[in-house]
Amino acid sequence: MPEEVEACPKCHLSTQLFVAVREAAGPLGGADLVSIQTIGEILAAVDLSVPAVPGGVPSSLARAPRLPPLRAAPSAPPPEEPRPSFPLSDLQDLPSLPAGRSEEELDRKIDEYFQLGRRLELDFSEFESRHHAADLVNDRASLETIAREMFVHLVSGLAEEFESVVAQRNELAAFVPTPSADVEIDAIRRAISQGDLPGAQRRLAHVRDEVQRIEEEWEVGKILVTEAEMLAATVHELGGDPGPAMGPVEEGRKMIRVGRRTEGERLLARGAVALWAVLEPRLVEDLQRLKLRLAELRAAGLDIQVAVEELRVVMAELRQRNYVGTIVAYRRARAFVEQHRIPGEESGSPGEVSAPIRPFTSA
């Protein structure tokens, strides 16, 4: 965000967006209604079976209570920057194969490996038949071989589950701290390296539950961050600057990372509304270009019903103020236009109405 742009010290929103955000956050009407009417006119232009949206505001267009109410964040000291949460790596060293054991230890280990294989849902049917045959004749050499092969299979299965849990943790750690899960993951790594396979499996089950709990607890914040990133990317794609609206998003992410979830979610919601206020006029302008191009495609005999259906979704989602749904449907309609040409028309023609989709990352 440019330094010369002043921002609210509480919500970190650029002051130049105060009016736009206040209008966007109020009851459905004003700019939102104009956008819905515009989309209705676009639909009527490309599909004669769709009437334009009337000027009145139906009572069913009351604001959907999807986002937290936009009110000033309570006075509080700025959140401290958390320690960087580095991605955890997968297993580097696997345990050595077990050394020779007494007959009693070998039998106990084989029973233990069978139980662990069932818990990991591994197919040990071949080992079961081989173990039964070797046990009948007391072939200790074959039993030792079976135990070592089972050990290798179990380590492989545990390593695969470990990598899956680490991947979940790394994805989650981009949004919130995961200290309790990290402690368990370190313990699992040690257990596997020491050959304590049952202990590693028990801890894996526990850490999976812990990661799931954290995901559920922070799901709203993650959704709001994803929504803000999608809105910012679309502003960027359409030639705009999302910077003045990114202050609440960046501050909301900081608050979530230090455990101030409610305040963080509120700021993220404010940031989403601010980004929509920046995006809306550019989106409507691009929809007008899509309308002209769709009319050309239809006049040339192409079936544009797929794009028309997406524009209907744009209107329906905008009525509910579902910004993500609005953008997703708009992108699909835009992709349809970009992918279709009038017969005889070369690439680089008016069909390419906008830049390709590309990710946006705030500075």
Protein backbone atom coordinates (compact mmCIF):
# COMPACT_ATOMS: atom_id res chain seq x y z
CA MET A 1 0.00 0.00 0.00
CA PRO A 2 1.49 3.40 -0.94
CA GLU A 3 2.72 5.33 2.07
CA GLU A 4 0.93 8.51 1.04
CA VAL A 5 -2.47 6.80 1.32
CA GLU A 6 -3.89 7.39 4.80
CA ALA A 7 -5.53 4.50 6.58
CA CYS A 8 -7.77 4.04 9.61
CA PRO A 9 -5.60 3.23 12.64
CA LYS A 10 -8.16 0.66 13.85
CA CYS A 11 -9.16 -1.28 10.75
CA HIS A 12 -6.26 -0.21 8.46
CA LEU A 13 -8.64 0.57 5.59
CA SER A 14 -7.59 3.34 3.24
CA THR A 15 -9.61 6.47 4.05
CA GLN A 16 -10.36 6.98 0.37
CA LEU A 17 -12.54 3.84 0.49
CA PHE A 18 -14.64 4.78 3.53
CA VAL A 19 -17.67 5.92 1.52
CA ALA A 20 -17.52 3.02 -0.92
CA VAL A 21 -17.23 0.44 1.86
CA ARG A 22 -20.06 2.03 3.85
CA GLU A 23 -22.32 1.76 0.78
CA ALA A 24 -21.18 -1.78 0.00
CA ALA A 25 -21.74 -2.93 3.58
CA GLY A 26 -25.20 -1.45 3.95
CA PRO A 27 -28.56 -2.99 2.98
CA LEU A 28 -28.69 -4.33 -0.58
CA GLY A 29 -29.31 -1.40 -2.85
CA GLY A 30 -27.37 1.45 -4.39
CA ALA A 31 -24.30 0.13 -6.18
CA ASP A 32 -25.30 -3.51 -5.66
CA LEU A 33 -28.72 -2.95 -7.16
CA VAL A 34 -27.21 -1.08 -10.10
CA SER A 35 -24.93 -4.05 -10.73
CA ILE A 36 -27.84 -6.50 -10.58
CA GLN A 37 -29.84 -4.33 -12.98
CA THR A 38 -26.84 -4.11 -15.30
CA ILE A 39 -26.41 -7.88 -15.31
CA GLY A 40 -30.13 -8.25 -15.99
CA GLU A 41 -29.78 -5.94 -18.98
CA ILE A 42 -26.81 -7.96 -20.20
CA LEU A 43 -28.80 -11.17 -19.91
CA ALA A 44 -31.71 -9.63 -21.78
CA ALA A 45 -29.34 -8.55 -24.55
CA VAL A 46 -27.85 -12.01 -25.08
CA ASP A 47 -30.87 -14.16 -24.24
CA LEU A 48 -34.28 -12.94 -25.35
CA SER A 49 -35.99 -15.22 -22.85
CA VAL A 50 -34.53 -13.27 -19.90
CA PRO A 51 -36.27 -10.01 -18.94
CA ALA A 52 -34.32 -7.08 -17.55
CA VAL A 53 -34.34 -6.65 -13.76
CA PRO A 54 -37.06 -4.23 -12.61
CA GLY A 55 -36.05 -1.06 -10.81
CA GLY A 56 -37.64 -1.93 -7.46
CA VAL A 57 -35.83 -3.87 -4.76
CA PRO A 58 -37.69 -7.11 -3.89
CA SER A 59 -37.91 -7.86 -0.20
CA SER A 60 -36.12 -11.15 -0.83
CA LEU A 61 -32.96 -9.19 -1.54
CA ALA A 62 -32.28 -8.49 2.12
CA ARG A 63 -28.63 -8.77 2.98
CA ALA A 64 -27.53 -12.33 3.65
CA PRO A 65 -25.87 -12.61 7.10
CA ARG A 66 -22.84 -14.39 5.65
CA LEU A 67 -20.12 -12.00 6.84
CA PRO A 68 -19.64 -10.66 10.37
CA PRO A 69 -21.08 -7.15 10.91
CA LEU A 70 -18.69 -4.35 9.99
CA ARG A 71 -18.02 -2.38 13.12
CA ALA A 72 -14.89 -0.76 14.40
CA ALA A 73 -12.43 -3.15 15.96
CA PRO A 74 -12.04 -2.62 19.72
CA SER A 75 -9.04 -0.67 20.86
CA ALA A 76 -6.19 -3.05 21.54
CA PRO A 77 -2.44 -3.07 21.19
CA PRO A 78 -1.25 -4.13 17.76
CA PRO A 79 -0.68 -7.88 17.53
CA GLU A 80 2.86 -9.09 17.83
CA GLU A 81 4.33 -10.76 14.79
CA PRO A 82 4.41 -14.51 15.43
CA ARG A 83 7.55 -16.52 15.01
CA PRO A 84 7.87 -17.77 11.41
CA SER A 85 6.17 -21.12 10.97
CA PHE A 86 8.45 -23.08 8.69
CA PRO A 87 7.19 -26.04 6.67
CA LEU A 88 8.04 -29.35 8.29
CA SER A 89 9.99 -31.82 6.19
CA ASP A 90 9.16 -35.44 5.52
CA LEU A 91 11.09 -38.31 7.06
CA GLN A 92 14.77 -38.26 6.20
CA ASP A 93 16.04 -41.43 7.90
CA LEU A 94 14.07 -44.64 8.23
CA PRO A 95 14.85 -47.14 11.03
CA SER A 96 17.20 -50.03 10.53
CA LEU A 97 15.85 -53.53 10.14
CA PRO A 98 15.55 -55.28 13.51
CA ALA A 99 18.46 -57.46 14.58
CA GLY A 100 18.17 -61.14 15.50
CA ARG A 101 15.84 -61.92 18.40
CA SER A 102 14.90 -64.83 20.60
CA GLU A 103 12.02 -67.08 19.53
CA GLU A 104 9.72 -65.51 22.11
CA GLU A 105 10.63 -61.95 21.00
CA LEU A 106 10.16 -62.90 17.36
CA ASP A 107 6.70 -64.35 17.94
CA ARG A 108 5.69 -61.31 19.97
CA LYS A 109 6.92 -58.94 17.25
CA ILE A 110 5.11 -60.78 14.49
CA ASP A 111 1.84 -60.61 16.48
CA GLU A 112 2.48 -56.90 17.08
CA TYR A 113 3.13 -56.30 13.37
CA PHE A 114 -0.10 -58.08 12.38
CA GLN A 115 -2.12 -55.92 14.79
CA LEU A 116 -0.45 -52.76 13.52
CA GLY A 117 -1.06 -53.79 9.91
CA ARG A 118 -4.77 -54.16 10.63
CA ARG A 119 -4.89 -50.70 12.23
CA LEU A 120 -3.15 -49.24 9.17
CA GLU A 121 -5.52 -51.23 6.91
CA LEU A 122 -2.64 -52.93 5.10
CA ASP A 123 -3.14 -56.16 3.17
CA PHE A 124 -1.13 -58.73 5.10
CA SER A 125 -2.99 -61.79 3.77
CA GLU A 126 0.14 -63.13 2.06
CA PHE A 127 2.13 -62.72 5.27
CA GLU A 128 -0.60 -64.54 7.19
CA SER A 129 -0.43 -67.62 4.93
CA ARG A 130 3.39 -67.63 4.95
CA HIS A 131 3.46 -67.21 8.73
CA HIS A 132 1.01 -70.07 9.23
CA ALA A 133 3.08 -72.41 7.01
CA ALA A 134 6.39 -71.49 8.69
CA ASP A 135 4.93 -71.71 12.19
CA LEU A 136 3.59 -75.25 11.59
CA VAL A 137 7.11 -76.58 10.96
CA ASN A 138 8.83 -74.11 13.34
CA ASP A 139 10.91 -72.65 10.48
CA ARG A 140 12.60 -69.87 12.45
CA ALA A 141 14.60 -68.59 9.47
CA SER A 142 11.42 -68.09 7.42
CA LEU A 143 9.67 -66.44 10.39
CA GLU A 144 12.60 -64.05 10.77
CA THR A 145 12.37 -63.17 7.04
CA ILE A 146 8.60 -62.65 7.33
CA ALA A 147 9.07 -60.36 10.36
CA ARG A 148 11.66 -58.24 8.53
CA GLU A 149 9.47 -57.92 5.41
CA MET A 150 6.47 -56.95 7.52
CA PHE A 151 8.62 -54.35 9.26
CA VAL A 152 9.54 -52.80 5.91
CA HIS A 153 5.88 -52.67 4.82
CA LEU A 154 4.81 -51.11 8.11
CA VAL A 155 7.52 -48.45 8.00
CA SER A 156 6.50 -47.60 4.43
CA GLY A 157 2.83 -47.30 5.45
CA LEU A 158 3.64 -45.14 8.48
CA ALA A 159 5.96 -42.93 6.41
CA GLU A 160 3.16 -42.36 3.88
CA GLU A 161 0.70 -41.40 6.61
CA PHE A 162 3.33 -39.20 8.25
CA GLU A 163 3.90 -37.30 4.99
CA SER A 164 0.15 -36.80 4.60
CA VAL A 165 -0.16 -35.35 8.11
CA VAL A 166 2.86 -33.09 7.57
CA ALA A 167 1.33 -31.80 4.32
CA GLN A 168 -1.92 -30.98 6.16
CA ARG A 169 0.01 -29.24 8.91
CA ASN A 170 2.08 -27.19 6.44
CA GLU A 171 -1.03 -26.01 4.62
CA LEU A 172 -2.73 -25.06 7.89
CA ALA A 173 0.38 -23.34 9.29
CA ALA A 174 0.15 -20.77 6.49
CA PHE A 175 -2.91 -19.39 8.32
CA VAL A 176 -2.53 -20.21 12.01
CA PRO A 177 0.13 -21.49 14.43
CA THR A 178 0.15 -25.24 15.07
CA PRO A 179 2.37 -25.74 18.15
CA SER A 180 0.58 -28.77 19.63
CA ALA A 181 0.55 -30.60 16.30
CA ASP A 182 4.23 -29.76 15.77
CA VAL A 183 5.18 -31.36 19.10
CA GLU A 184 3.35 -34.55 18.15
CA ILE A 185 4.93 -34.63 14.68
CA ASP A 186 8.40 -34.37 16.19
CA ALA A 187 7.54 -37.25 18.54
CA ILE A 188 6.31 -39.36 15.61
CA ARG A 189 9.55 -38.70 13.73
CA ARG A 190 11.57 -39.92 16.74
CA ALA A 191 9.37 -42.98 17.26
CA ILE A 192 9.74 -44.08 13.64
CA SER A 193 13.49 -43.51 13.63
CA GLN A 194 13.78 -45.64 16.78
CA GLY A 195 11.65 -48.44 15.34
CA ASP A 196 8.77 -47.85 17.78
CA LEU A 197 6.12 -48.46 15.13
CA PRO A 198 3.11 -48.95 17.47
CA GLY A 199 4.02 -45.73 19.31
CA ALA A 200 4.31 -43.86 16.01
CA GLN A 201 0.91 -45.16 14.90
CA ARG A 202 -0.78 -44.07 18.12
CA ARG A 203 0.70 -40.59 17.84
CA LEU A 204 -0.28 -40.38 14.17
CA ALA A 205 -3.91 -41.03 15.08
CA HIS A 206 -3.72 -38.34 17.75
CA VAL A 207 -2.09 -35.71 15.52
CA ARG A 208 -4.64 -36.34 12.76
CA ASP A 209 -7.39 -35.54 15.24
CA GLU A 210 -5.51 -32.43 16.39
CA VAL A 211 -4.99 -31.12 12.85
CA GLN A 212 -8.67 -31.74 12.09
CA ARG A 213 -9.67 -29.83 15.24
CA ILE A 214 -7.50 -26.85 14.29
CA GLU A 215 -8.86 -26.86 10.73
CA GLU A 216 -12.45 -26.79 11.97
CA GLU A 217 -11.68 -24.07 14.53
CA TRP A 218 -10.06 -21.77 11.97
CA GLU A 219 -12.17 -22.67 8.95
CA VAL A 220 -13.98 -19.30 8.81
CA GLY A 221 -10.72 -17.36 8.84
CA LYS A 222 -9.28 -19.55 6.10
CA ILE A 223 -12.38 -19.05 3.94
CA LEU A 224 -12.24 -15.28 4.46
CA VAL A 225 -8.55 -15.16 3.53
CA THR A 226 -9.21 -17.20 0.40
CA GLU A 227 -12.12 -14.93 -0.52
CA ALA A 228 -10.01 -11.80 -0.09
CA GLU A 229 -7.18 -13.26 -2.17
CA MET A 230 -9.58 -14.14 -4.98
CA LEU A 231 -11.11 -10.64 -4.95
CA ALA A 232 -7.66 -9.01 -4.91
CA ALA A 233 -6.49 -11.21 -7.79
CA THR A 234 -9.54 -10.27 -9.86
CA VAL A 235 -9.03 -6.54 -9.20
CA HIS A 236 -5.43 -6.98 -10.33
CA GLU A 237 -6.45 -8.93 -13.45
CA LEU A 238 -8.86 -6.18 -14.50
CA GLY A 239 -6.18 -3.52 -14.24
CA GLY A 240 -7.02 -2.16 -10.80
CA ASP A 241 -5.01 -1.67 -7.62
CA PRO A 242 -6.27 -3.70 -4.64
CA GLY A 243 -3.68 -2.09 -2.34
CA PRO A 244 -5.90 0.52 -0.64
CA ALA A 245 -8.32 -2.25 0.40
CA MET A 246 -5.69 -4.75 1.57
CA GLY A 247 -4.96 -3.17 4.97
CA PRO A 248 -7.81 -4.93 6.81
CA VAL A 249 -6.91 -8.23 5.12
CA GLU A 250 -3.25 -8.08 6.13
CA GLU A 251 -4.07 -6.99 9.67
CA GLY A 252 -6.80 -9.64 9.96
CA ARG A 253 -4.33 -12.37 8.99
CA LYS A 254 -1.89 -11.13 11.65
CA MET A 255 -4.59 -11.23 14.32
CA ILE A 256 -5.64 -14.75 13.38
CA ARG A 257 -2.05 -15.94 13.54
CA VAL A 258 -1.66 -14.66 17.11
CA GLY A 259 -4.95 -16.20 18.25
CA ARG A 260 -7.29 -13.18 18.07
CA ARG A 261 -9.71 -15.03 15.85
CA THR A 262 -12.90 -12.97 16.28
CA GLU A 263 -11.18 -9.64 15.62
CA GLY A 264 -9.23 -11.13 12.73
CA GLU A 265 -12.34 -12.53 11.07
CA ARG A 266 -14.08 -9.16 11.43
CA LEU A 267 -11.20 -7.35 9.74
CA LEU A 268 -11.02 -9.95 6.97
CA ALA A 269 -14.74 -9.47 6.35
CA ARG A 270 -14.26 -5.70 6.18
CA GLY A 271 -11.38 -6.25 3.75
CA ALA A 272 -13.57 -8.43 1.51
CA VAL A 273 -16.24 -5.72 1.34
CA ALA A 274 -13.57 -3.09 0.61
CA LEU A 275 -12.10 -5.21 -2.17
CA TRP A 276 -15.56 -5.70 -3.64
CA ALA A 277 -16.09 -1.92 -3.63
CA VAL A 278 -12.89 -1.57 -5.66
CA LEU A 279 -13.72 -4.47 -7.97
CA GLU A 280 -17.40 -3.86 -8.72
CA PRO A 281 -17.16 -1.03 -11.29
CA ARG A 282 -14.39 -2.80 -13.18
CA LEU A 283 -16.33 -6.07 -13.13
CA VAL A 284 -19.46 -4.41 -14.48
CA GLU A 285 -17.39 -2.77 -17.22
CA ASP A 286 -15.91 -6.11 -18.22
CA LEU A 287 -19.34 -7.74 -18.17
CA GLN A 288 -20.45 -5.11 -20.67
CA ARG A 289 -17.60 -6.16 -22.96
CA LEU A 290 -18.63 -9.78 -22.52
CA LYS A 291 -22.17 -8.82 -23.52
CA LEU A 292 -21.01 -7.28 -26.82
CA ARG A 293 -18.84 -10.27 -27.63
CA LEU A 294 -21.57 -12.79 -26.75
CA ALA A 295 -23.96 -10.93 -29.04
CA GLU A 296 -21.38 -11.25 -31.85
CA LEU A 297 -20.93 -14.96 -31.18
CA ARG A 298 -24.67 -15.56 -31.18
CA ALA A 299 -25.12 -13.57 -34.39
CA ALA A 300 -22.47 -15.80 -35.98
CA GLY A 301 -24.51 -18.87 -35.10
CA LEU A 302 -22.57 -20.09 -32.05
CA ASP A 303 -24.40 -21.58 -29.08
CA ILE A 304 -23.75 -19.24 -26.13
CA GLN A 305 -26.11 -20.90 -23.67
CA VAL A 306 -23.26 -22.01 -21.39
CA ALA A 307 -22.13 -18.41 -20.90
CA VAL A 308 -25.72 -17.24 -20.43
CA GLU A 309 -26.19 -19.78 -17.63
CA GLU A 310 -23.02 -18.52 -15.93
CA LEU A 311 -24.29 -14.94 -16.11
CA ARG A 312 -27.49 -16.08 -14.43
CA VAL A 313 -25.32 -17.53 -11.66
CA VAL A 314 -23.46 -14.21 -11.41
CA MET A 315 -26.76 -12.44 -10.77
CA ALA A 316 -27.98 -15.06 -8.27
CA GLU A 317 -24.73 -15.00 -6.29
CA LEU A 318 -24.58 -11.22 -6.28
CA ARG A 319 -28.12 -11.08 -4.87
CA GLN A 320 -26.81 -13.11 -1.92
CA ARG A 321 -23.57 -11.11 -1.73
CA ASN A 322 -21.59 -14.28 -2.27
CA TYR A 323 -18.51 -12.64 -3.75
CA VAL A 324 -16.63 -15.87 -4.35
CA GLY A 325 -19.57 -17.41 -6.21
CA THR A 326 -19.95 -14.21 -8.24
CA ILE A 327 -16.30 -14.21 -9.28
CA VAL A 328 -16.20 -17.94 -10.07
CA ALA A 329 -19.26 -17.68 -12.35
CA TYR A 330 -17.90 -14.50 -13.99
CA ARG A 331 -14.58 -16.23 -14.72
CA ARG A 332 -16.35 -19.16 -16.32
CA ALA A 333 -18.37 -16.84 -18.55
CA ARG A 334 -15.20 -14.95 -19.44
CA ALA A 335 -13.35 -18.19 -20.20
CA PHE A 336 -16.15 -19.22 -22.56
CA VAL A 337 -15.80 -15.96 -24.48
CA GLU A 338 -12.01 -16.20 -24.62
CA GLN A 339 -12.11 -19.78 -25.91
CA HIS A 340 -14.58 -19.25 -28.75
CA ARG A 341 -14.01 -17.61 -32.11
CA ILE A 342 -16.31 -16.61 -34.92
CA PRO A 343 -15.63 -18.84 -37.96
CA GLY A 344 -12.77 -17.30 -39.95
CA GLU A 345 -11.62 -15.13 -37.07
CA GLU A 346 -7.94 -15.39 -36.08
CA SER A 347 -6.45 -15.44 -32.61
CA GLY A 348 -5.78 -12.03 -31.08
CA SER A 349 -9.26 -10.95 -32.15
CA PRO A 350 -11.85 -9.07 -30.06
CA GLY A 351 -12.73 -12.40 -28.46
CA GLU A 352 -9.82 -11.91 -26.06
CA VAL A 353 -11.50 -9.41 -23.81
CA SER A 354 -9.22 -9.61 -20.81
CA ALA A 355 -5.96 -10.92 -19.43
CA PRO A 356 -5.69 -14.61 -18.48
CA ILE A 357 -6.32 -15.67 -14.93
CA ARG A 358 -3.18 -15.40 -12.83
CA PRO A 359 -2.54 -15.52 -9.08
CA PHE A 360 -2.11 -12.35 -7.05
CA THR A 361 0.00 -12.04 -3.94
CA SER A 362 -0.10 -8.90 -1.83
CA ALA A 363 3.18 -7.28 -1.01
